N, C-alpha and C. Protein backbone atom coordinates (compact mmCIF):
# COMPACT_ATOMS: atom_id res chain seq x y z
N MET A 1 99.26 134.50 96.19
CA MET A 1 99.87 133.39 96.88
C MET A 1 99.62 132.09 96.14
N LYS A 2 98.40 131.93 95.60
CA LYS A 2 98.09 130.71 94.85
C LYS A 2 98.97 130.62 93.60
N LEU A 3 99.23 131.75 92.97
CA LEU A 3 100.07 131.78 91.78
C LEU A 3 101.50 131.36 92.12
N PHE A 4 102.01 131.83 93.25
CA PHE A 4 103.36 131.47 93.68
C PHE A 4 103.47 129.98 93.96
N VAL A 5 102.51 129.41 94.65
CA VAL A 5 102.52 127.99 94.96
C VAL A 5 102.43 127.17 93.68
N ALA A 6 101.56 127.59 92.75
CA ALA A 6 101.41 126.88 91.48
C ALA A 6 102.73 126.93 90.70
N THR A 7 103.40 128.05 90.73
CA THR A 7 104.68 128.20 90.02
C THR A 7 105.74 127.30 90.63
N VAL A 8 105.80 127.22 91.94
CA VAL A 8 106.78 126.37 92.61
C VAL A 8 106.49 124.90 92.30
N VAL A 9 105.23 124.51 92.32
CA VAL A 9 104.86 123.12 92.03
C VAL A 9 105.24 122.75 90.59
N ILE A 10 104.96 123.61 89.66
CA ILE A 10 105.29 123.35 88.24
C ILE A 10 106.80 123.29 88.05
N ALA A 11 107.51 124.21 88.68
CA ALA A 11 108.98 124.21 88.56
C ALA A 11 109.57 122.94 89.16
N THR A 12 109.02 122.47 90.25
CA THR A 12 109.50 121.24 90.87
C THR A 12 109.22 120.04 89.99
N MET A 13 108.06 120.02 89.36
CA MET A 13 107.72 118.90 88.47
C MET A 13 108.63 118.87 87.25
N LEU A 14 109.00 120.03 86.74
CA LEU A 14 109.87 120.08 85.58
C LEU A 14 111.33 119.81 85.94
N ALA A 15 111.74 120.12 87.15
CA ALA A 15 113.13 119.94 87.57
C ALA A 15 113.46 118.48 87.81
N GLY A 16 112.48 117.69 88.16
CA GLY A 16 112.72 116.27 88.44
C GLY A 16 113.30 115.53 87.25
N PRO A 17 112.63 115.54 86.09
CA PRO A 17 113.19 114.85 84.92
C PRO A 17 114.51 115.46 84.43
N ALA A 18 114.66 116.77 84.60
CA ALA A 18 115.89 117.41 84.16
C ALA A 18 117.08 116.94 85.00
N CYS A 19 116.87 116.80 86.30
CA CYS A 19 117.95 116.31 87.17
C CYS A 19 118.24 114.84 86.90
N ALA A 20 117.23 114.09 86.55
CA ALA A 20 117.42 112.67 86.27
C ALA A 20 118.28 112.46 85.03
N GLN A 21 118.24 113.37 84.09
CA GLN A 21 119.01 113.24 82.86
C GLN A 21 120.48 113.60 83.06
N MET A 22 120.80 114.25 84.14
CA MET A 22 122.18 114.68 84.38
C MET A 22 123.09 113.51 84.70
N GLY A 23 122.58 112.44 85.31
CA GLY A 23 123.38 111.27 85.59
C GLY A 23 124.42 111.49 86.66
N LYS A 24 124.08 112.15 87.72
CA LYS A 24 125.03 112.42 88.79
C LYS A 24 125.45 111.12 89.46
N GLY A 25 126.72 110.90 89.62
CA GLY A 25 127.24 109.74 90.32
C GLY A 25 127.17 108.46 89.52
N ASN A 26 126.75 108.50 88.28
CA ASN A 26 126.66 107.30 87.45
C ASN A 26 127.89 107.24 86.55
N PRO A 27 128.84 106.35 86.81
CA PRO A 27 130.07 106.34 86.01
C PRO A 27 129.84 105.94 84.56
N SER A 28 128.81 105.17 84.28
CA SER A 28 128.57 104.77 82.89
C SER A 28 128.03 105.93 82.07
N ALA A 29 127.49 106.96 82.73
CA ALA A 29 126.98 108.11 82.00
C ALA A 29 128.12 109.00 81.50
N ASP A 30 129.32 108.85 82.08
CA ASP A 30 130.46 109.67 81.66
C ASP A 30 130.99 109.23 80.30
N LYS A 31 130.76 107.99 79.93
CA LYS A 31 131.25 107.49 78.65
C LYS A 31 130.33 107.97 77.54
N ASP A 32 130.90 108.65 76.61
CA ASP A 32 130.13 109.15 75.48
C ASP A 32 130.27 108.16 74.33
N PRO A 33 129.19 107.56 73.86
CA PRO A 33 129.30 106.58 72.78
C PRO A 33 129.85 107.18 71.48
N ARG A 34 129.59 108.46 71.28
CA ARG A 34 130.11 109.08 70.06
C ARG A 34 131.64 109.19 70.10
N ARG A 35 132.19 109.45 71.28
CA ARG A 35 133.66 109.52 71.40
C ARG A 35 134.28 108.15 71.16
N GLU A 36 133.63 107.12 71.73
CA GLU A 36 134.14 105.77 71.55
C GLU A 36 134.10 105.37 70.08
N GLN A 37 133.01 105.72 69.40
CA GLN A 37 132.90 105.39 67.97
C GLN A 37 133.92 106.17 67.17
N ALA A 38 134.15 107.43 67.52
CA ALA A 38 135.14 108.24 66.81
C ALA A 38 136.54 107.68 67.01
N ALA A 39 136.85 107.26 68.23
CA ALA A 39 138.18 106.68 68.50
C ALA A 39 138.35 105.37 67.74
N LYS A 40 137.31 104.56 67.71
CA LYS A 40 137.37 103.29 66.98
C LYS A 40 137.55 103.53 65.48
N ALA A 41 136.81 104.51 64.95
CA ALA A 41 136.92 104.83 63.52
C ALA A 41 138.32 105.36 63.20
N GLU A 42 138.89 106.15 64.10
CA GLU A 42 140.24 106.69 63.89
C GLU A 42 141.28 105.57 63.87
N LYS A 43 141.12 104.59 64.77
CA LYS A 43 142.05 103.45 64.78
C LYS A 43 141.92 102.64 63.50
N GLU A 44 140.70 102.45 63.02
CA GLU A 44 140.50 101.71 61.78
C GLU A 44 141.12 102.45 60.60
N GLN A 45 140.96 103.78 60.56
CA GLN A 45 141.55 104.57 59.49
C GLN A 45 143.07 104.48 59.52
N ALA A 46 143.65 104.50 60.72
CA ALA A 46 145.11 104.40 60.84
C ALA A 46 145.59 103.04 60.34
N ALA A 47 144.84 101.97 60.65
CA ALA A 47 145.23 100.63 60.19
C ALA A 47 145.12 100.54 58.67
N ILE A 48 144.07 101.11 58.11
CA ILE A 48 143.90 101.10 56.65
C ILE A 48 145.02 101.88 55.98
N GLU A 49 145.37 103.03 56.54
CA GLU A 49 146.44 103.86 55.98
C GLU A 49 147.78 103.12 56.04
N LYS A 50 148.02 102.41 57.13
CA LYS A 50 149.26 101.65 57.28
C LYS A 50 149.34 100.54 56.25
N GLU A 51 148.23 99.83 56.04
CA GLU A 51 148.21 98.76 55.03
C GLU A 51 148.41 99.34 53.63
N TYR A 52 147.79 100.48 53.36
CA TYR A 52 147.93 101.11 52.05
C TYR A 52 149.38 101.50 51.79
N ASN A 53 150.02 102.12 52.77
CA ASN A 53 151.42 102.52 52.60
C ASN A 53 152.33 101.30 52.41
N ALA A 54 152.06 100.22 53.12
CA ALA A 54 152.86 99.01 52.95
C ALA A 54 152.68 98.44 51.55
N THR A 55 151.47 98.45 51.04
CA THR A 55 151.21 97.95 49.69
C THR A 55 151.90 98.82 48.65
N MET A 56 151.86 100.12 48.84
CA MET A 56 152.51 101.03 47.89
C MET A 56 154.02 100.83 47.89
N GLU A 57 154.62 100.56 49.04
CA GLU A 57 156.05 100.30 49.09
C GLU A 57 156.41 99.01 48.37
N ARG A 58 155.55 97.99 48.47
CA ARG A 58 155.83 96.72 47.81
C ARG A 58 155.67 96.82 46.30
N THR A 59 154.77 97.66 45.81
CA THR A 59 154.50 97.71 44.38
C THR A 59 155.35 98.73 43.64
N ARG A 60 156.09 99.55 44.33
CA ARG A 60 156.95 100.52 43.64
C ARG A 60 158.08 99.78 42.93
N PRO A 61 158.36 100.16 41.69
CA PRO A 61 159.44 99.48 40.96
C PRO A 61 160.80 99.83 41.56
N THR A 62 161.69 98.86 41.52
CA THR A 62 163.04 99.10 42.01
C THR A 62 163.94 99.36 40.82
N GLY A 63 164.82 100.29 40.94
CA GLY A 63 165.73 100.61 39.86
C GLY A 63 165.21 101.76 39.01
N PRO A 64 166.00 102.12 37.99
CA PRO A 64 165.59 103.26 37.16
C PRO A 64 164.40 102.88 36.26
N PRO A 65 163.61 103.85 35.89
CA PRO A 65 162.49 103.56 35.00
C PRO A 65 163.00 103.20 33.59
N PRO A 66 162.29 102.38 32.85
CA PRO A 66 162.75 102.01 31.51
C PRO A 66 162.71 103.22 30.57
N LYS A 67 163.71 103.27 29.67
CA LYS A 67 163.76 104.39 28.73
C LYS A 67 162.74 104.15 27.64
N SER A 68 162.06 105.20 27.30
CA SER A 68 161.00 105.11 26.31
C SER A 68 161.35 106.00 25.13
N ASP A 69 161.23 105.47 23.94
CA ASP A 69 161.48 106.23 22.72
C ASP A 69 160.29 106.05 21.79
N PRO A 70 159.33 106.95 21.82
CA PRO A 70 158.14 106.80 21.01
C PRO A 70 158.40 106.92 19.50
N TRP A 71 159.53 107.53 19.08
CA TRP A 71 159.83 107.72 17.66
C TRP A 71 160.76 106.64 17.11
N SER A 72 161.00 105.59 17.86
CA SER A 72 161.96 104.58 17.41
C SER A 72 161.53 103.88 16.12
N ARG A 73 160.27 103.72 15.88
CA ARG A 73 159.81 103.05 14.65
C ARG A 73 159.81 103.99 13.45
N ILE A 74 159.76 105.27 13.69
CA ILE A 74 159.67 106.23 12.59
C ILE A 74 161.05 106.70 12.16
N ARG A 75 161.95 106.88 13.08
CA ARG A 75 163.29 107.33 12.79
C ARG A 75 164.09 106.24 12.09
N PRO A 76 164.90 106.60 11.11
CA PRO A 76 165.73 105.57 10.47
C PRO A 76 166.82 105.11 11.43
N ALA A 77 167.29 103.94 11.17
CA ALA A 77 168.36 103.37 12.01
C ALA A 77 169.61 104.25 11.87
N ASP A 78 170.33 104.39 12.94
CA ASP A 78 171.55 105.20 12.94
C ASP A 78 172.64 104.41 12.20
N SER A 79 173.15 104.98 11.08
CA SER A 79 174.15 104.30 10.27
C SER A 79 175.57 104.55 10.77
N GLY A 80 175.74 105.44 11.68
CA GLY A 80 177.08 105.69 12.21
C GLY A 80 177.73 106.89 11.58
N SER A 81 177.37 107.27 10.37
CA SER A 81 177.98 108.44 9.73
C SER A 81 176.89 109.50 9.55
N ALA A 82 177.26 110.70 9.79
CA ALA A 82 176.31 111.78 9.68
C ALA A 82 176.43 112.40 8.30
N LYS A 83 175.37 112.39 7.53
CA LYS A 83 175.35 113.00 6.18
C LYS A 83 174.57 114.30 6.27
N ARG A 84 175.26 115.34 5.89
CA ARG A 84 174.57 116.64 5.87
C ARG A 84 175.00 117.43 4.70
């Protein structure tokens, strides 16, 4: 009987702090700070991505790309007649 009473007393002492951590009826306990931080970080990432895309649209060249001829200095000038 003494063992049973001691067990009940110990279980009651341990249950008190455990119930206190549950936050029953406390509306501020429902807010998870990690979720709020994750949502804030997601909004910041979306804003950064939007700014990046806008910058990329502004810096893209308009019109066709310039023609490049790397052999223009080595090749002789075209004389108009083909000699073969």
